[in-house]
Amino acid sequence: MSELQKDFDLVEVAEALGMSTRWVRQKCKEGAVHNRYGQKIRFTPEQVQALRESHTTNPVPTSITTGRGRKAKSA
């Protein structure tokens, strides 16, 4: 007999991702994979990881400027 995995509730997922429960609910409405048991929303560990990966972005490196442009030398 296989062992059952622990499912995570909405609050646990929000805390794990550092987001609000409202944000997690919105992602569910937008199509994030989740399970529904009656009115309860539950996530498997794999679904939590997929949610994390699908909403994680790597910042694009940019040059840091001071906001001051160089003045052209006058002759």
PDB file of N, CA and C in Angstrom:
ATOM      1  N   MET A   1       0.835  -1.179   0.000  1.00  0.00           N
ATOM      2  CA  MET A   1       0.000   0.000   0.000  1.00  0.00           C
ATOM      3  C   MET A   1       0.884   1.248   0.000  1.00  0.00           C
ATOM      4  N   SER A   2       0.570   2.226  -0.854  1.00  0.00           N
ATOM      5  CA  SER A   2       1.403   3.419  -0.949  1.00  0.00           C
ATOM      6  C   SER A   2       1.078   4.405   0.177  1.00  0.00           C
ATOM      7  N   GLU A   3       2.089   5.145   0.562  1.00  0.00           N
ATOM      8  CA  GLU A   3       1.933   6.111   1.638  1.00  0.00           C
ATOM      9  C   GLU A   3       1.337   7.400   1.077  1.00  0.00           C
ATOM     10  N   LEU A   4       0.399   7.985   1.792  1.00  0.00           N
ATOM     11  CA  LEU A   4      -0.230   9.226   1.351  1.00  0.00           C
ATOM     12  C   LEU A   4       0.696  10.405   1.603  1.00  0.00           C
ATOM     13  N   GLN A   5       0.705  11.340   0.642  1.00  0.00           N
ATOM     14  CA  GLN A   5       1.477  12.563   0.802  1.00  0.00           C
ATOM     15  C   GLN A   5       0.668  13.560   1.615  1.00  0.00           C
ATOM     16  N   LYS A   6       1.356  14.444   2.301  1.00  0.00           N
ATOM     17  CA  LYS A   6       0.672  15.519   3.017  1.00  0.00           C
ATOM     18  C   LYS A   6       0.321  16.604   2.017  1.00  0.00           C
ATOM     19  N   ASP A   7      -0.922  17.030   2.027  1.00  0.00           N
ATOM     20  CA  ASP A   7      -1.338  18.166   1.218  1.00  0.00           C
ATOM     21  C   ASP A   7      -1.215  19.426   2.060  1.00  0.00           C
ATOM     22  N   PHE A   8      -0.915  20.541   1.403  1.00  0.00           N
ATOM     23  CA  PHE A   8      -0.750  21.815   2.092  1.00  0.00           C
ATOM     24  C   PHE A   8      -1.967  22.689   1.828  1.00  0.00           C
ATOM     25  N   ASP A   9      -2.390  23.421   2.856  1.00  0.00           N
ATOM     26  CA  ASP A   9      -3.537  24.301   2.663  1.00  0.00           C
ATOM     27  C   ASP A   9      -3.071  25.662   2.156  1.00  0.00           C
ATOM     28  N   LEU A  10      -4.030  26.511   1.892  1.00  0.00           N
ATOM     29  CA  LEU A  10      -3.777  27.822   1.303  1.00  0.00           C
ATOM     30  C   LEU A  10      -2.838  28.660   2.162  1.00  0.00           C
ATOM     31  N   VAL A  11      -3.049  28.663   3.459  1.00  0.00           N
ATOM     32  CA  VAL A  11      -2.223  29.466   4.374  1.00  0.00           C
ATOM     33  C   VAL A  11      -0.783  28.963   4.387  1.00  0.00           C
ATOM     34  N   GLU A  12      -0.593  27.651   4.432  1.00  0.00           N
ATOM     35  CA  GLU A  12       0.758  27.084   4.443  1.00  0.00           C
ATOM     36  C   GLU A  12       1.510  27.427   3.155  1.00  0.00           C
ATOM     37  N   VAL A  13       0.821  27.366   2.026  1.00  0.00           N
ATOM     38  CA  VAL A  13       1.459  27.684   0.742  1.00  0.00           C
ATOM     39  C   VAL A  13       1.816  29.163   0.685  1.00  0.00           C
ATOM     40  N   ALA A  14       0.908  30.023   1.114  1.00  0.00           N
ATOM     41  CA  ALA A  14       1.184  31.464   1.105  1.00  0.00           C
ATOM     42  C   ALA A  14       2.396  31.790   1.971  1.00  0.00           C
ATOM     43  N   GLU A  15       2.479  31.195   3.158  1.00  0.00           N
ATOM     44  CA  GLU A  15       3.621  31.436   4.040  1.00  0.00           C
ATOM     45  C   GLU A  15       4.912  30.902   3.433  1.00  0.00           C
ATOM     46  N   ALA A  16       4.855  29.729   2.811  1.00  0.00           N
ATOM     47  CA  ALA A  16       6.051  29.134   2.216  1.00  0.00           C
ATOM     48  C   ALA A  16       6.580  29.984   1.063  1.00  0.00           C
ATOM     49  N   LEU A  17       5.672  30.603   0.319  1.00  0.00           N
ATOM     50  CA  LEU A  17       6.084  31.418  -0.828  1.00  0.00           C
ATOM     51  C   LEU A  17       6.324  32.876  -0.448  1.00  0.00           C
ATOM     52  N   GLY A  18       5.976  33.245   0.774  1.00  0.00           N
ATOM     53  CA  GLY A  18       6.149  34.633   1.193  1.00  0.00           C
ATOM     54  C   GLY A  18       5.150  35.560   0.532  1.00  0.00           C
ATOM     55  N   MET A  19       3.980  35.036   0.215  1.00  0.00           N
ATOM     56  CA  MET A  19       2.943  35.822  -0.450  1.00  0.00           C
ATOM     57  C   MET A  19       1.692  35.806   0.414  1.00  0.00           C
ATOM     58  N   SER A  20       0.692  36.569   0.013  1.00  0.00           N
ATOM     59  CA  SER A  20      -0.568  36.598   0.748  1.00  0.00           C
ATOM     60  C   SER A  20      -1.484  35.473   0.266  1.00  0.00           C
ATOM     61  N   THR A  21      -2.458  35.135   1.090  1.00  0.00           N
ATOM     62  CA  THR A  21      -3.432  34.120   0.667  1.00  0.00           C
ATOM     63  C   THR A  21      -4.243  34.640  -0.511  1.00  0.00           C
ATOM     64  N   ARG A  22      -4.459  35.941  -0.572  1.00  0.00           N
ATOM     65  CA  ARG A  22      -5.176  36.534  -1.714  1.00  0.00           C
ATOM     66  C   ARG A  22      -4.414  36.267  -3.019  1.00  0.00           C
ATOM     67  N   TRP A  23      -3.089  36.414  -2.976  1.00  0.00           N
ATOM     68  CA  TRP A  23      -2.261  36.171  -4.159  1.00  0.00           C
ATOM     69  C   TRP A  23      -2.389  34.714  -4.607  1.00  0.00           C
ATOM     70  N   VAL A  24      -2.327  33.774  -3.642  1.00  0.00           N
ATOM     71  CA  VAL A  24      -2.422  32.351  -3.975  1.00  0.00           C
ATOM     72  C   VAL A  24      -3.795  32.040  -4.560  1.00  0.00           C
ATOM     73  N   ARG A  25      -4.860  32.591  -3.968  1.00  0.00           N
ATOM     74  CA  ARG A  25      -6.209  32.393  -4.517  1.00  0.00           C
ATOM     75  C   ARG A  25      -6.307  32.913  -5.945  1.00  0.00           C
ATOM     76  N   GLN A  26      -5.709  34.076  -6.194  1.00  0.00           N
ATOM     77  CA  GLN A  26      -5.744  34.664  -7.544  1.00  0.00           C
ATOM     78  C   GLN A  26      -5.038  33.757  -8.543  1.00  0.00           C
ATOM     79  N   LYS A  27      -3.901  33.182  -8.142  1.00  0.00           N
ATOM     80  CA  LYS A  27      -3.177  32.278  -9.040  1.00  0.00           C
ATOM     81  C   LYS A  27      -4.007  31.031  -9.326  1.00  0.00           C
ATOM     82  N   CYS A  28      -4.773  30.564  -8.350  1.00  0.00           N
ATOM     83  CA  CYS A  28      -5.656  29.417  -8.570  1.00  0.00           C
ATOM     84  C   CYS A  28      -6.727  29.764  -9.597  1.00  0.00           C
ATOM     85  N   LYS A  29      -7.275  30.971  -9.498  1.00  0.00           N
ATOM     86  CA  LYS A  29      -8.279  31.420 -10.468  1.00  0.00           C
ATOM     87  C   LYS A  29      -7.688  31.549 -11.862  1.00  0.00           C
ATOM     88  N   GLU A  30      -6.396  31.922 -11.921  1.00  0.00           N
ATOM     89  CA  GLU A  30      -5.718  32.087 -13.211  1.00  0.00           C
ATOM     90  C   GLU A  30      -5.263  30.765 -13.808  1.00  0.00           C
ATOM     91  N   GLY A  31      -5.450  29.658 -13.071  1.00  0.00           N
ATOM     92  CA  GLY A  31      -5.135  28.356 -13.634  1.00  0.00           C
ATOM     93  C   GLY A  31      -3.997  27.600 -12.985  1.00  0.00           C
ATOM     94  N   ALA A  32      -3.473  28.099 -11.868  1.00  0.00           N
ATOM     95  CA  ALA A  32      -2.425  27.354 -11.167  1.00  0.00           C
ATOM     96  C   ALA A  32      -2.997  26.014 -10.707  1.00  0.00           C
ATOM     97  N   VAL A  33      -2.203  24.975 -10.799  1.00  0.00           N
ATOM     98  CA  VAL A  33      -2.659  23.631 -10.459  1.00  0.00           C
ATOM     99  C   VAL A  33      -2.875  23.518  -8.954  1.00  0.00           C
ATOM    100  N   HIS A  34      -4.044  23.043  -8.579  1.00  0.00           N
ATOM    101  CA  HIS A  34      -4.386  22.825  -7.178  1.00  0.00           C
ATOM    102  C   HIS A  34      -5.483  21.768  -7.101  1.00  0.00           C
ATOM    103  N   ASN A  35      -5.774  21.303  -5.908  1.00  0.00           N
ATOM    104  CA  ASN A  35      -6.846  20.338  -5.687  1.00  0.00           C
ATOM    105  C   ASN A  35      -7.915  21.011  -4.854  1.00  0.00           C
ATOM    106  N   ARG A  36      -9.147  20.647  -5.131  1.00  0.00           N
ATOM    107  CA  ARG A  36     -10.258  21.203  -4.366  1.00  0.00           C
ATOM    108  C   ARG A  36     -11.053  20.064  -3.754  1.00  0.00           C
ATOM    109  N   TYR A  37     -11.226  20.137  -2.449  1.00  0.00           N
ATOM    110  CA  TYR A  37     -12.041  19.164  -1.721  1.00  0.00           C
ATOM    111  C   TYR A  37     -13.182  19.964  -1.094  1.00  0.00           C
ATOM    112  N   GLY A  38     -14.340  19.977  -1.760  1.00  0.00           N
ATOM    113  CA  GLY A  38     -15.421  20.846  -1.311  1.00  0.00           C
ATOM    114  C   GLY A  38     -14.984  22.278  -1.526  1.00  0.00           C
ATOM    115  N   GLN A  39     -14.947  23.048  -0.460  1.00  0.00           N
ATOM    116  CA  GLN A  39     -14.487  24.437  -0.565  1.00  0.00           C
ATOM    117  C   GLN A  39     -13.025  24.608  -0.175  1.00  0.00           C
ATOM    118  N   LYS A  40     -12.377  23.532   0.218  1.00  0.00           N
ATOM    119  CA  LYS A  40     -10.976  23.589   0.643  1.00  0.00           C
ATOM    120  C   LYS A  40     -10.050  23.500  -0.565  1.00  0.00           C
ATOM    121  N   ILE A  41      -9.064  24.375  -0.606  1.00  0.00           N
ATOM    122  CA  ILE A  41      -8.036  24.353  -1.642  1.00  0.00           C
ATOM    123  C   ILE A  41      -6.800  23.720  -1.031  1.00  0.00           C
ATOM    124  N   ARG A  42      -6.267  22.706  -1.674  1.00  0.00           N
ATOM    125  CA  ARG A  42      -5.093  21.985  -1.166  1.00  0.00           C
ATOM    126  C   ARG A  42      -4.067  21.854  -2.284  1.00  0.00           C
ATOM    127  N   PHE A  43      -2.793  21.721  -1.893  1.00  0.00           N
ATOM    128  CA  PHE A  43      -1.690  21.599  -2.835  1.00  0.00           C
ATOM    129  C   PHE A  43      -0.797  20.443  -2.427  1.00  0.00           C
ATOM    130  N   THR A  44      -0.330  19.678  -3.403  1.00  0.00           N
ATOM    131  CA  THR A  44       0.685  18.664  -3.149  1.00  0.00           C
ATOM    132  C   THR A  44       2.040  19.367  -3.153  1.00  0.00           C
ATOM    133  N   PRO A  45       3.086  18.735  -2.617  1.00  0.00           N
ATOM    134  CA  PRO A  45       4.417  19.366  -2.665  1.00  0.00           C
ATOM    135  C   PRO A  45       4.855  19.688  -4.097  1.00  0.00           C
ATOM    136  N   GLU A  46       4.530  18.826  -5.035  1.00  0.00           N
ATOM    137  CA  GLU A  46       4.901  19.070  -6.429  1.00  0.00           C
ATOM    138  C   GLU A  46       4.168  20.288  -6.988  1.00  0.00           C
ATOM    139  N   GLN A  47       2.909  20.474  -6.602  1.00  0.00           N
ATOM    140  CA  GLN A  47       2.143  21.628  -7.067  1.00  0.00           C
ATOM    141  C   GLN A  47       2.679  22.922  -6.463  1.00  0.00           C
ATOM    142  N   VAL A  48       3.121  22.869  -5.215  1.00  0.00           N
ATOM    143  CA  VAL A  48       3.715  24.055  -4.585  1.00  0.00           C
ATOM    144  C   VAL A  48       4.996  24.433  -5.316  1.00  0.00           C
ATOM    145  N   GLN A  49       5.820  23.440  -5.632  1.00  0.00           N
ATOM    146  CA  GLN A  49       7.064  23.700  -6.358  1.00  0.00           C
ATOM    147  C   GLN A  49       6.782  24.257  -7.752  1.00  0.00           C
ATOM    148  N   ALA A  50       5.777  23.709  -8.428  1.00  0.00           N
ATOM    149  CA  ALA A  50       5.416  24.212  -9.765  1.00  0.00           C
ATOM    150  C   ALA A  50       4.923  25.651  -9.685  1.00  0.00           C
ATOM    151  N   LEU A  51       4.146  25.973  -8.648  1.00  0.00           N
ATOM    152  CA  LEU A  51       3.668  27.346  -8.465  1.00  0.00           C
ATOM    153  C   LEU A  51       4.841  28.278  -8.215  1.00  0.00           C
ATOM    154  N   ARG A  52       5.777  27.840  -7.389  1.00  0.00           N
ATOM    155  CA  ARG A  52       6.970  28.647  -7.107  1.00  0.00           C
ATOM    156  C   ARG A  52       7.777  28.895  -8.383  1.00  0.00           C
ATOM    157  N   GLU A  53       8.023  27.846  -9.156  1.00  0.00           N
ATOM    158  CA  GLU A  53       8.836  27.977 -10.362  1.00  0.00           C
ATOM    159  C   GLU A  53       8.150  28.808 -11.443  1.00  0.00           C
ATOM    160  N   SER A  54       6.839  28.696 -11.553  1.00  0.00           N
ATOM    161  CA  SER A  54       6.137  29.419 -12.604  1.00  0.00           C
ATOM    162  C   SER A  54       6.024  30.912 -12.314  1.00  0.00           C
ATOM    163  N   HIS A  55       6.242  31.308 -11.077  1.00  0.00           N
ATOM    164  CA  HIS A  55       6.113  32.715 -10.720  1.00  0.00           C
ATOM    165  C   HIS A  55       7.403  33.295 -10.161  1.00  0.00           C
ATOM    166  N   THR A  56       8.515  32.635 -10.464  1.00  0.00           N
ATOM    167  CA  THR A  56       9.817  33.138 -10.064  1.00  0.00           C
ATOM    168  C   THR A  56      10.511  33.667 -11.306  1.00  0.00           C
ATOM    169  N   THR A  57      11.035  34.854 -11.202  1.00  0.00           N
ATOM    170  CA  THR A  57      11.768  35.427 -12.321  1.00  0.00           C
ATOM    171  C   THR A  57      13.190  35.719 -11.880  1.00  0.00           C
ATOM    172  N   ASN A  58      14.095  35.586 -12.792  1.00  0.00           N
ATOM    173  CA  ASN A  58      15.481  35.952 -12.535  1.00  0.00           C
ATOM    174  C   ASN A  58      15.682  37.355 -13.074  1.00  0.00           C
ATOM    175  N   PRO A  59      16.125  38.269 -12.249  1.00  0.00           N
ATOM    176  CA  PRO A  59      16.300  39.638 -12.717  1.00  0.00           C
ATOM    177  C   PRO A  59      17.349  39.727 -13.819  1.00  0.00           C
ATOM    178  N   VAL A  60      17.075  40.562 -14.777  1.00  0.00           N
ATOM    179  CA  VAL A  60      18.014  40.781 -15.872  1.00  0.00           C
ATOM    180  C   VAL A  60      19.074  41.759 -15.382  1.00  0.00           C
ATOM    181  N   PRO A  61      20.343  41.375 -15.479  1.00  0.00           N
ATOM    182  CA  PRO A  61      21.388  42.292 -15.015  1.00  0.00           C
ATOM    183  C   PRO A  61      21.413  43.555 -15.866  1.00  0.00           C
ATOM    184  N   THR A  62      21.468  44.675 -15.203  1.00  0.00           N
ATOM    185  CA  THR A  62      21.553  45.950 -15.906  1.00  0.00           C
ATOM    186  C   THR A  62      22.717  46.733 -15.325  1.00  0.00           C
ATOM    187  N   SER A  63      23.177  47.688 -16.076  1.00  0.00           N
ATOM    188  CA  SER A  63      24.265  48.508 -15.555  1.00  0.00           C
ATOM    189  C   SER A  63      23.688  49.499 -14.555  1.00  0.00           C
ATOM    190  N   ILE A  64      24.449  49.793 -13.548  1.00  0.00           N
ATOM    191  CA  ILE A  64      24.014  50.733 -12.524  1.00  0.00           C
ATOM    192  C   ILE A  64      24.543  52.106 -12.891  1.00  0.00           C
ATOM    193  N   THR A  65      23.643  53.057 -12.920  1.00  0.00           N
ATOM    194  CA  THR A  65      24.050  54.421 -13.235  1.00  0.00           C
ATOM    195  C   THR A  65      23.694  55.323 -12.069  1.00  0.00           C
ATOM    196  N   THR A  66      24.345  56.455 -12.018  1.00  0.00           N
ATOM    197  CA  THR A  66      24.069  57.423 -10.962  1.00  0.00           C
ATOM    198  C   THR A  66      22.995  58.406 -11.393  1.00  0.00           C
ATOM    199  N   GLY A  67      22.602  58.338 -12.650  1.00  0.00           N
ATOM    200  CA  GLY A  67      21.597  59.265 -13.142  1.00  0.00           C
ATOM    201  C   GLY A  67      22.197  60.555 -13.673  1.00  0.00           C
ATOM    202  N   ARG A  68      23.515  60.652 -13.609  1.00  0.00           N
ATOM    203  CA  ARG A  68      24.187  61.852 -14.117  1.00  0.00           C
ATOM    204  C   ARG A  68      24.810  61.550 -15.465  1.00  0.00           C
ATOM    205  N   GLY A  69      24.468  62.317 -16.428  1.00  0.00           N
ATOM    206  CA  GLY A  69      25.063  62.152 -17.752  1.00  0.00           C
ATOM    207  C   GLY A  69      26.371  62.908 -17.841  1.00  0.00           C
ATOM    208  N   ARG A  70      27.234  62.488 -18.719  1.00  0.00           N
ATOM    209  CA  ARG A  70      28.501  63.193 -18.904  1.00  0.00           C
ATOM    210  C   ARG A  70      28.258  64.427 -19.766  1.00  0.00           C
ATOM    211  N   LYS A  71      28.873  65.486 -19.358  1.00  0.00           N
ATOM    212  CA  LYS A  71      28.758  66.728 -20.137  1.00  0.00           C
ATOM    213  C   LYS A  71      29.777  66.693 -21.260  1.00  0.00           C
ATOM    214  N   ALA A  72      29.356  67.178 -22.396  1.00  0.00           N
ATOM    215  CA  ALA A  72      30.274  67.252 -23.522  1.00  0.00           C
ATOM    216  C   ALA A  72      31.290  68.370 -23.262  1.00  0.00           C
ATOM    217  N   LYS A  73      32.558  68.090 -23.601  1.00  0.00           N
ATOM    218  CA  LYS A  73      33.600  69.111 -23.412  1.00  0.00           C
ATOM    219  C   LYS A  73      33.441  70.184 -24.476  1.00  0.00           C
ATOM    220  N   SER A  74      33.511  71.406 -24.015  1.00  0.00           N
ATOM    221  CA  SER A  74      33.420  72.501 -24.989  1.00  0.00           C
ATOM    222  C   SER A  74      34.831  72.896 -25.401  1.00  0.00           C
ATOM    223  N   ALA A  75      34.965  73.242 -26.663  1.00  0.00           N
ATOM    224  CA  ALA A  75      36.301  73.543 -27.194  1.00  0.00           C
ATOM    225  C   ALA A  75      36.695  74.951 -27.005  1.00  0.00           C
TER     226      ALA A  75
END
